[in-house]
Amino acid sequence: MEKWEKETSEANKNGKTVVVNFSASWCIPCRQIAAAYRELAEKYCSSILFLTVDVDALAEFSTTWDIKATPTFFVLRDGRQLDKLVGANKAELQRKITGIAESNTRTTSLN
């Protein structure tokens, strides 16, 4: 929880969008999309903060997010939910992340 607070606070302060992956080690779809999630994190780490929450290790915290299936991805900005994706839909996850990155670039270039 301490790490969550520190990371999200820093992201908010720097105007970064946060993508949170709620997953579980035993979840086959979570393992299937993990490599794609890591690749996106490496590609867009300069403008987006990527976090992973293990729903078993942080069960109480995950419950507050009303996680009903894994993986579940949340997109947050300034502490508010902008978007949500339930399931291991690689194409949709890539589309959402690419859209966020492009939006962040347009926002940055206008300032």
N, C-alpha and C. Protein backbone atom coordinates (compact mmCIF):
# COMPACT_ATOMS: atom_id res chain seq x y z
N MET A 1 0.83 -1.20 0.00
CA MET A 1 0.00 0.00 0.00
C MET A 1 0.87 1.26 0.00
N GLU A 2 1.95 1.19 0.73
CA GLU A 2 2.85 2.35 0.78
C GLU A 2 3.40 2.66 -0.61
N LYS A 3 3.79 1.59 -1.31
CA LYS A 3 4.33 1.76 -2.67
C LYS A 3 3.26 2.33 -3.60
N TRP A 4 2.01 1.85 -3.47
CA TRP A 4 0.90 2.36 -4.28
C TRP A 4 0.76 3.86 -4.09
N GLU A 5 0.70 4.28 -2.82
CA GLU A 5 0.54 5.71 -2.50
C GLU A 5 1.68 6.53 -3.09
N LYS A 6 2.90 6.05 -2.91
CA LYS A 6 4.08 6.78 -3.40
C LYS A 6 4.04 6.89 -4.93
N GLU A 7 3.82 5.78 -5.60
CA GLU A 7 3.85 5.75 -7.08
C GLU A 7 2.72 6.60 -7.68
N THR A 8 1.50 6.43 -7.18
CA THR A 8 0.38 7.17 -7.76
C THR A 8 0.47 8.66 -7.43
N SER A 9 0.96 8.99 -6.25
CA SER A 9 1.13 10.39 -5.88
C SER A 9 2.16 11.06 -6.81
N GLU A 10 3.25 10.36 -7.05
CA GLU A 10 4.29 10.87 -7.95
C GLU A 10 3.74 11.05 -9.37
N ALA A 11 2.97 10.07 -9.83
CA ALA A 11 2.38 10.15 -11.17
C ALA A 11 1.43 11.34 -11.28
N ASN A 12 0.59 11.52 -10.26
CA ASN A 12 -0.35 12.65 -10.25
C ASN A 12 0.40 13.97 -10.29
N LYS A 13 1.45 14.06 -9.50
CA LYS A 13 2.24 15.29 -9.44
C LYS A 13 2.88 15.60 -10.79
N ASN A 14 3.29 14.56 -11.50
CA ASN A 14 3.96 14.74 -12.80
C ASN A 14 3.00 14.71 -13.98
N GLY A 15 1.70 14.60 -13.71
CA GLY A 15 0.71 14.60 -14.77
C GLY A 15 0.69 13.32 -15.61
N LYS A 16 1.21 12.24 -15.04
CA LYS A 16 1.25 10.97 -15.77
C LYS A 16 -0.06 10.22 -15.60
N THR A 17 -0.43 9.52 -16.65
CA THR A 17 -1.55 8.59 -16.60
C THR A 17 -1.04 7.31 -15.96
N VAL A 18 -1.91 6.63 -15.22
CA VAL A 18 -1.54 5.38 -14.55
C VAL A 18 -2.38 4.25 -15.13
N VAL A 19 -1.73 3.14 -15.48
CA VAL A 19 -2.42 1.94 -15.91
C VAL A 19 -2.15 0.87 -14.86
N VAL A 20 -3.22 0.33 -14.29
CA VAL A 20 -3.09 -0.67 -13.23
C VAL A 20 -3.62 -2.01 -13.74
N ASN A 21 -2.81 -3.03 -13.58
CA ASN A 21 -3.17 -4.39 -13.98
C ASN A 21 -3.44 -5.19 -12.71
N PHE A 22 -4.69 -5.52 -12.46
CA PHE A 22 -5.05 -6.39 -11.34
C PHE A 22 -5.02 -7.82 -11.87
N SER A 23 -4.09 -8.62 -11.35
CA SER A 23 -3.92 -9.98 -11.87
C SER A 23 -3.63 -10.94 -10.73
N ALA A 24 -3.47 -12.22 -11.10
CA ALA A 24 -3.14 -13.26 -10.13
C ALA A 24 -2.18 -14.25 -10.78
N SER A 25 -1.27 -14.80 -9.99
CA SER A 25 -0.25 -15.70 -10.52
C SER A 25 -0.85 -16.98 -11.10
N TRP A 26 -1.99 -17.42 -10.58
CA TRP A 26 -2.62 -18.65 -11.03
C TRP A 26 -3.51 -18.44 -12.27
N CYS A 27 -3.72 -17.20 -12.65
CA CYS A 27 -4.65 -16.85 -13.73
C CYS A 27 -3.97 -17.03 -15.10
N ILE A 28 -4.47 -17.97 -15.88
CA ILE A 28 -3.88 -18.25 -17.20
C ILE A 28 -3.99 -17.04 -18.14
N PRO A 29 -5.15 -16.39 -18.27
CA PRO A 29 -5.22 -15.20 -19.13
C PRO A 29 -4.26 -14.09 -18.67
N CYS A 30 -4.06 -13.97 -17.35
CA CYS A 30 -3.12 -12.97 -16.83
C CYS A 30 -1.70 -13.26 -17.32
N ARG A 31 -1.33 -14.53 -17.29
CA ARG A 31 0.01 -14.93 -17.75
C ARG A 31 0.12 -14.74 -19.26
N GLN A 32 -0.97 -14.97 -19.98
CA GLN A 32 -0.94 -14.83 -21.44
C GLN A 32 -0.74 -13.38 -21.87
N ILE A 33 -1.27 -12.45 -21.13
CA ILE A 33 -1.16 -11.03 -21.54
C ILE A 33 0.01 -10.32 -20.85
N ALA A 34 0.68 -10.98 -19.92
CA ALA A 34 1.76 -10.36 -19.15
C ALA A 34 2.88 -9.83 -20.04
N ALA A 35 3.29 -10.59 -21.05
CA ALA A 35 4.38 -10.14 -21.92
C ALA A 35 3.98 -8.89 -22.70
N ALA A 36 2.76 -8.86 -23.20
CA ALA A 36 2.29 -7.68 -23.94
C ALA A 36 2.22 -6.46 -23.02
N TYR A 37 1.78 -6.66 -21.79
CA TYR A 37 1.71 -5.58 -20.81
C TYR A 37 3.12 -5.03 -20.52
N ARG A 38 4.09 -5.95 -20.34
CA ARG A 38 5.48 -5.53 -20.10
C ARG A 38 6.04 -4.75 -21.29
N GLU A 39 5.75 -5.22 -22.50
CA GLU A 39 6.23 -4.53 -23.70
C GLU A 39 5.65 -3.11 -23.78
N LEU A 40 4.37 -2.98 -23.49
CA LEU A 40 3.74 -1.66 -23.50
C LEU A 40 4.36 -0.77 -22.43
N ALA A 41 4.62 -1.35 -21.26
CA ALA A 41 5.22 -0.59 -20.16
C ALA A 41 6.61 -0.09 -20.54
N GLU A 42 7.38 -0.93 -21.20
CA GLU A 42 8.72 -0.53 -21.62
C GLU A 42 8.65 0.56 -22.69
N LYS A 43 7.72 0.43 -23.60
CA LYS A 43 7.59 1.37 -24.71
C LYS A 43 7.10 2.75 -24.25
N TYR A 44 6.17 2.77 -23.31
CA TYR A 44 5.53 4.03 -22.93
C TYR A 44 5.84 4.49 -21.51
N CYS A 45 6.90 3.96 -20.90
CA CYS A 45 7.20 4.29 -19.51
C CYS A 45 7.50 5.77 -19.27
N SER A 46 7.87 6.50 -20.31
CA SER A 46 8.17 7.92 -20.11
C SER A 46 6.92 8.76 -19.87
N SER A 47 5.77 8.30 -20.38
CA SER A 47 4.56 9.10 -20.24
C SER A 47 3.44 8.43 -19.44
N ILE A 48 3.59 7.12 -19.18
CA ILE A 48 2.56 6.38 -18.47
C ILE A 48 3.22 5.55 -17.38
N LEU A 49 2.60 5.53 -16.20
CA LEU A 49 3.07 4.68 -15.11
C LEU A 49 2.28 3.38 -15.15
N PHE A 50 2.96 2.26 -15.22
CA PHE A 50 2.34 0.95 -15.25
C PHE A 50 2.54 0.27 -13.91
N LEU A 51 1.45 -0.16 -13.29
CA LEU A 51 1.51 -0.87 -12.02
C LEU A 51 0.79 -2.21 -12.16
N THR A 52 1.26 -3.19 -11.39
CA THR A 52 0.59 -4.49 -11.33
C THR A 52 0.26 -4.78 -9.88
N VAL A 53 -0.98 -5.20 -9.65
CA VAL A 53 -1.44 -5.54 -8.31
C VAL A 53 -1.84 -7.01 -8.32
N ASP A 54 -1.21 -7.79 -7.45
CA ASP A 54 -1.58 -9.20 -7.28
C ASP A 54 -2.81 -9.25 -6.38
N VAL A 55 -3.91 -9.72 -6.92
CA VAL A 55 -5.18 -9.69 -6.17
C VAL A 55 -5.16 -10.61 -4.95
N ASP A 56 -4.28 -11.60 -4.95
CA ASP A 56 -4.17 -12.48 -3.78
C ASP A 56 -3.31 -11.85 -2.70
N ALA A 57 -2.21 -11.24 -3.10
CA ALA A 57 -1.32 -10.60 -2.13
C ALA A 57 -1.95 -9.36 -1.51
N LEU A 58 -2.76 -8.66 -2.29
CA LEU A 58 -3.43 -7.45 -1.82
C LEU A 58 -4.95 -7.60 -1.96
N ALA A 59 -5.46 -8.66 -1.35
CA ALA A 59 -6.88 -9.01 -1.48
C ALA A 59 -7.80 -7.90 -0.99
N GLU A 60 -7.51 -7.34 0.16
CA GLU A 60 -8.39 -6.29 0.72
C GLU A 60 -8.38 -5.05 -0.18
N PHE A 61 -7.20 -4.67 -0.64
CA PHE A 61 -7.08 -3.52 -1.54
C PHE A 61 -7.83 -3.79 -2.84
N SER A 62 -7.67 -4.98 -3.40
CA SER A 62 -8.34 -5.34 -4.65
C SER A 62 -9.85 -5.29 -4.50
N THR A 63 -10.34 -5.69 -3.34
CA THR A 63 -11.78 -5.66 -3.07
C THR A 63 -12.33 -4.24 -3.17
N THR A 64 -11.54 -3.26 -2.75
CA THR A 64 -12.01 -1.87 -2.81
C THR A 64 -12.16 -1.40 -4.26
N TRP A 65 -11.51 -2.10 -5.19
CA TRP A 65 -11.61 -1.77 -6.62
C TRP A 65 -12.67 -2.60 -7.30
N ASP A 66 -13.37 -3.43 -6.54
CA ASP A 66 -14.47 -4.24 -7.06
C ASP A 66 -14.02 -5.13 -8.23
N ILE A 67 -12.89 -5.81 -8.04
CA ILE A 67 -12.36 -6.71 -9.06
C ILE A 67 -13.18 -8.00 -9.07
N LYS A 68 -13.80 -8.29 -10.19
CA LYS A 68 -14.64 -9.48 -10.32
C LYS A 68 -13.99 -10.55 -11.19
N ALA A 69 -12.99 -10.14 -11.99
CA ALA A 69 -12.29 -11.07 -12.88
C ALA A 69 -10.86 -10.56 -13.07
N THR A 70 -9.99 -11.48 -13.39
CA THR A 70 -8.61 -11.09 -13.69
C THR A 70 -8.25 -11.59 -15.08
N PRO A 71 -7.48 -10.82 -15.79
CA PRO A 71 -6.96 -9.51 -15.42
C PRO A 71 -8.01 -8.41 -15.62
N THR A 72 -7.89 -7.38 -14.82
CA THR A 72 -8.68 -6.16 -14.99
C THR A 72 -7.70 -5.00 -15.01
N PHE A 73 -7.83 -4.17 -16.02
CA PHE A 73 -6.95 -3.01 -16.18
C PHE A 73 -7.74 -1.74 -15.95
N PHE A 74 -7.19 -0.84 -15.15
CA PHE A 74 -7.77 0.47 -14.93
C PHE A 74 -6.84 1.53 -15.48
N VAL A 75 -7.40 2.57 -16.07
CA VAL A 75 -6.64 3.73 -16.51
C VAL A 75 -7.06 4.88 -15.61
N LEU A 76 -6.08 5.49 -14.96
CA LEU A 76 -6.34 6.56 -14.01
C LEU A 76 -5.57 7.81 -14.39
N ARG A 77 -6.17 8.93 -14.11
CA ARG A 77 -5.47 10.21 -14.27
C ARG A 77 -5.93 11.12 -13.14
N ASP A 78 -4.98 11.70 -12.45
CA ASP A 78 -5.29 12.55 -11.29
C ASP A 78 -6.16 11.81 -10.28
N GLY A 79 -5.93 10.50 -10.14
CA GLY A 79 -6.66 9.71 -9.16
C GLY A 79 -8.06 9.30 -9.59
N ARG A 80 -8.47 9.68 -10.80
CA ARG A 80 -9.81 9.35 -11.29
C ARG A 80 -9.74 8.29 -12.37
N GLN A 81 -10.72 7.41 -12.37
CA GLN A 81 -10.78 6.37 -13.39
C GLN A 81 -11.23 6.96 -14.72
N LEU A 82 -10.42 6.74 -15.76
CA LEU A 82 -10.77 7.17 -17.11
C LEU A 82 -11.33 6.03 -17.94
N ASP A 83 -10.82 4.83 -17.66
CA ASP A 83 -11.20 3.69 -18.49
C ASP A 83 -10.96 2.40 -17.71
N LYS A 84 -11.53 1.32 -18.24
CA LYS A 84 -11.40 0.01 -17.60
C LYS A 84 -11.50 -1.05 -18.70
N LEU A 85 -10.69 -2.09 -18.56
CA LEU A 85 -10.73 -3.23 -19.48
C LEU A 85 -10.69 -4.49 -18.66
N VAL A 86 -11.69 -5.34 -18.83
CA VAL A 86 -11.74 -6.62 -18.12
C VAL A 86 -11.42 -7.71 -19.13
N GLY A 87 -10.43 -8.54 -18.79
CA GLY A 87 -10.06 -9.65 -19.66
C GLY A 87 -8.74 -9.42 -20.35
N ALA A 88 -8.23 -10.49 -20.94
CA ALA A 88 -6.91 -10.47 -21.57
C ALA A 88 -7.02 -10.20 -23.07
N ASN A 89 -7.65 -9.09 -23.41
CA ASN A 89 -7.81 -8.71 -24.81
C ASN A 89 -6.60 -7.86 -25.22
N LYS A 90 -5.60 -8.52 -25.79
CA LYS A 90 -4.34 -7.87 -26.12
C LYS A 90 -4.53 -6.70 -27.09
N ALA A 91 -5.32 -6.91 -28.14
CA ALA A 91 -5.53 -5.85 -29.14
C ALA A 91 -6.19 -4.63 -28.51
N GLU A 92 -7.17 -4.85 -27.67
CA GLU A 92 -7.87 -3.73 -27.02
C GLU A 92 -6.96 -3.01 -26.03
N LEU A 93 -6.16 -3.77 -25.28
CA LEU A 93 -5.22 -3.16 -24.35
C LEU A 93 -4.21 -2.29 -25.11
N GLN A 94 -3.67 -2.82 -26.20
CA GLN A 94 -2.73 -2.05 -27.01
C GLN A 94 -3.39 -0.79 -27.57
N ARG A 95 -4.63 -0.91 -28.03
CA ARG A 95 -5.35 0.24 -28.58
C ARG A 95 -5.52 1.33 -27.52
N LYS A 96 -5.92 0.91 -26.31
CA LYS A 96 -6.14 1.88 -25.23
C LYS A 96 -4.84 2.57 -24.82
N ILE A 97 -3.77 1.79 -24.66
CA ILE A 97 -2.49 2.34 -24.23
C ILE A 97 -1.91 3.28 -25.30
N THR A 98 -1.99 2.86 -26.55
CA THR A 98 -1.51 3.70 -27.64
C THR A 98 -2.29 5.02 -27.68
N GLY A 99 -3.60 4.93 -27.49
CA GLY A 99 -4.43 6.13 -27.45
C GLY A 99 -4.05 7.07 -26.33
N ILE A 100 -3.76 6.50 -25.17
CA ILE A 100 -3.34 7.31 -24.02
C ILE A 100 -2.02 8.00 -24.32
N ALA A 101 -1.09 7.23 -24.85
CA ALA A 101 0.24 7.79 -25.16
C ALA A 101 0.14 8.92 -26.18
N GLU A 102 -0.68 8.71 -27.22
CA GLU A 102 -0.86 9.75 -28.23
C GLU A 102 -1.54 10.98 -27.65
N SER A 103 -2.51 10.76 -26.79
CA SER A 103 -3.19 11.87 -26.13
C SER A 103 -2.22 12.64 -25.24
N ASN A 104 -1.37 11.92 -24.51
CA ASN A 104 -0.38 12.58 -23.66
C ASN A 104 0.59 13.39 -24.49
N THR A 105 0.98 12.89 -25.66
CA THR A 105 1.91 13.60 -26.53
C THR A 105 1.26 14.88 -27.05
N ARG A 106 -0.01 14.78 -27.48
CA ARG A 106 -0.70 15.98 -27.96
C ARG A 106 -0.83 17.01 -26.85
N THR A 107 -1.17 16.54 -25.64
CA THR A 107 -1.32 17.46 -24.51
C THR A 107 0.00 18.14 -24.19
N THR A 108 1.07 17.36 -24.18
CA THR A 108 2.38 17.90 -23.88
C THR A 108 2.82 18.91 -24.93
N SER A 109 2.59 18.61 -26.19
CA SER A 109 3.05 19.50 -27.25
C SER A 109 2.25 20.80 -27.30
N LEU A 110 1.07 20.82 -26.74
CA LEU A 110 0.27 22.03 -26.72
C LEU A 110 0.68 22.98 -25.60
N ASN A 111 1.36 22.46 -24.61
CA ASN A 111 1.74 23.29 -23.47
C ASN A 111 2.98 24.11 -23.74
